Amino acid sequence: MAYLGIEEMFSGPSAEVRIAPAKTGFTALEWSVIALAKKDTIGSLNAPGRMSRALGTVFGRGVNSRLAEPKLEMLRRVAVYAWRRGYALPASEVSDFLRAGFTMKQAEILVASVTGGSVGQLAWKIAG
């Protein structure tokens, strides 16, 4: 014997729209990128010049901190600024961070976690 659900028969197609909640945390891989960025300097964010590459080749110091995945590289850049400058993030870096698919809440969590500050101060520092 078959079952016929009376409620479903007249309701038509389901029009339920589910909105995914905004991402507020980081994955384990992303947290490891943030932790590894602690050893990087602000200078590591610039592309190495010709002389730097040549000396690196001669002396075996071919250290390249850049990540191949663009989204993780953007996370590393913001993490380096957070480790070195705290809440004083360049507005252009924050814009690029948001364009990479991260949220402002994630930026606040990142900076608060590396500085020991509280979440909610980042927007004030960028705007003010």
Protein backbone atom coordinates (compact mmCIF):
# COMPACT_ATOMS: atom_id res chain seq x y z
CA MET A 1 0.00 0.00 0.00
CA ALA A 2 1.36 3.39 -0.96
CA TYR A 3 1.43 6.44 1.25
CA LEU A 4 0.23 9.80 -0.01
CA GLY A 5 1.04 12.82 2.10
CA ILE A 6 -1.94 15.16 1.96
CA GLU A 7 0.08 18.16 3.17
CA GLU A 8 2.67 17.76 0.39
CA MET A 9 0.09 17.18 -2.32
CA PHE A 10 -1.27 20.74 -2.34
CA SER A 11 1.72 22.70 -1.16
CA GLY A 12 3.43 22.98 -4.56
CA PRO A 13 7.16 23.13 -4.98
CA SER A 14 9.14 23.93 -1.90
CA ALA A 15 10.10 27.58 -1.87
CA GLU A 16 12.36 27.34 1.14
CA VAL A 17 15.42 29.49 0.77
CA ARG A 18 18.27 28.76 3.07
CA ILE A 19 20.94 31.37 3.49
CA ALA A 20 24.29 30.08 4.58
CA PRO A 21 25.51 31.81 7.72
CA ALA A 22 28.48 34.13 7.27
CA LYS A 23 31.76 32.36 7.85
CA THR A 24 33.30 33.55 11.08
CA GLY A 25 36.12 31.11 11.73
CA PHE A 26 39.06 29.59 9.94
CA THR A 27 39.90 26.06 8.88
CA ALA A 28 42.87 24.22 10.37
CA LEU A 29 44.89 24.97 7.22
CA GLU A 30 44.06 28.66 7.47
CA TRP A 31 45.07 28.76 11.15
CA SER A 32 48.39 27.15 10.25
CA VAL A 33 48.98 29.85 7.60
CA ILE A 34 48.28 32.50 10.25
CA ALA A 35 50.71 30.84 12.66
CA LEU A 36 53.44 30.48 10.02
CA ALA A 37 53.08 34.16 9.08
CA LYS A 38 54.49 35.09 12.50
CA LYS A 39 58.04 34.49 11.29
CA ASP A 40 57.59 36.55 8.09
CA THR A 41 58.53 40.22 7.89
CA ILE A 42 56.71 43.04 6.14
CA GLY A 43 59.48 42.85 3.53
CA SER A 44 58.35 39.34 2.61
CA LEU A 45 55.19 40.88 1.15
CA ASN A 46 57.17 42.63 -1.61
CA ALA A 47 58.26 40.81 -4.72
CA PRO A 48 61.98 40.01 -4.52
CA GLY A 49 64.14 42.18 -6.73
CA ARG A 50 66.67 40.96 -9.27
CA MET A 51 69.62 41.44 -6.90
CA SER A 52 67.86 39.62 -4.08
CA ARG A 53 67.11 36.66 -6.33
CA ALA A 54 70.71 36.57 -7.58
CA LEU A 55 72.16 36.64 -4.06
CA GLY A 56 69.69 34.01 -2.99
CA THR A 57 70.83 31.76 -5.79
CA VAL A 58 74.53 32.29 -5.03
CA PHE A 59 74.25 31.88 -1.27
CA GLY A 60 71.42 29.37 -1.21
CA ARG A 61 68.96 31.68 0.50
CA GLY A 62 66.07 31.15 -1.88
CA VAL A 63 63.47 31.63 0.84
CA ASN A 64 60.09 32.35 -0.70
CA SER A 65 57.24 32.82 1.75
CA ARG A 66 54.59 33.29 -0.92
CA LEU A 67 51.89 30.67 -1.14
CA ALA A 68 50.68 29.20 -4.43
CA GLU A 69 46.98 29.40 -3.49
CA PRO A 70 45.87 33.06 -3.96
CA LYS A 71 43.30 32.97 -1.15
CA LEU A 72 45.82 31.56 1.33
CA GLU A 73 48.43 34.09 0.16
CA MET A 74 45.96 36.89 0.89
CA LEU A 75 45.39 35.42 4.34
CA ARG A 76 49.17 35.25 4.89
CA ARG A 77 49.57 38.91 3.86
CA VAL A 78 46.94 40.12 6.31
CA ALA A 79 48.35 37.84 9.02
CA VAL A 80 51.85 39.30 8.52
CA TYR A 81 50.45 42.82 8.93
CA ALA A 82 48.50 41.69 11.99
CA TRP A 83 51.59 40.11 13.60
CA ARG A 84 53.76 43.16 12.85
CA ARG A 85 51.35 46.10 13.16
CA GLY A 86 48.37 44.85 15.12
CA TYR A 87 45.12 46.58 14.27
CA ALA A 88 46.81 49.04 11.87
CA LEU A 89 46.02 47.15 8.69
CA PRO A 90 46.30 48.94 5.35
CA ALA A 91 42.85 49.59 3.90
CA SER A 92 43.95 48.18 0.52
CA GLU A 93 44.93 44.88 2.17
CA VAL A 94 41.59 44.67 3.95
CA SER A 95 39.76 45.31 0.66
CA ASP A 96 41.78 42.58 -1.05
CA PHE A 97 41.11 40.27 1.92
CA LEU A 98 37.36 40.79 1.54
CA ARG A 99 37.56 40.32 -2.24
CA ALA A 100 39.38 37.01 -1.69
CA GLY A 101 36.25 35.66 -0.01
CA PHE A 102 36.93 36.36 3.64
CA THR A 103 34.67 38.42 5.89
CA MET A 104 35.30 41.42 8.10
CA LYS A 105 34.46 39.24 11.10
CA GLN A 106 37.28 36.87 10.09
CA ALA A 107 39.68 39.82 9.82
CA GLU A 108 38.70 40.91 13.32
CA ILE A 109 39.15 37.38 14.69
CA LEU A 110 42.56 37.10 13.02
CA VAL A 111 43.86 40.37 14.44
CA ALA A 112 42.35 39.78 17.87
CA SER A 113 43.89 36.31 18.06
CA VAL A 114 47.42 37.43 17.20
CA THR A 115 47.39 40.61 19.28
CA GLY A 116 45.41 39.41 22.27
CA GLY A 117 42.90 42.21 21.67
CA SER A 118 39.16 42.04 21.52
CA VAL A 119 36.99 41.54 18.47
CA GLY A 120 35.31 44.72 17.23
CA GLN A 121 38.29 47.10 17.24
CA LEU A 122 39.35 46.53 13.62
CA ALA A 123 36.61 48.57 11.91
CA TRP A 124 37.44 51.53 14.14
CA LYS A 125 41.17 51.35 13.35
CA ILE A 126 40.63 51.19 9.60
CA ALA A 127 38.05 53.98 9.52
CA GLY A 128 39.66 56.16 12.19
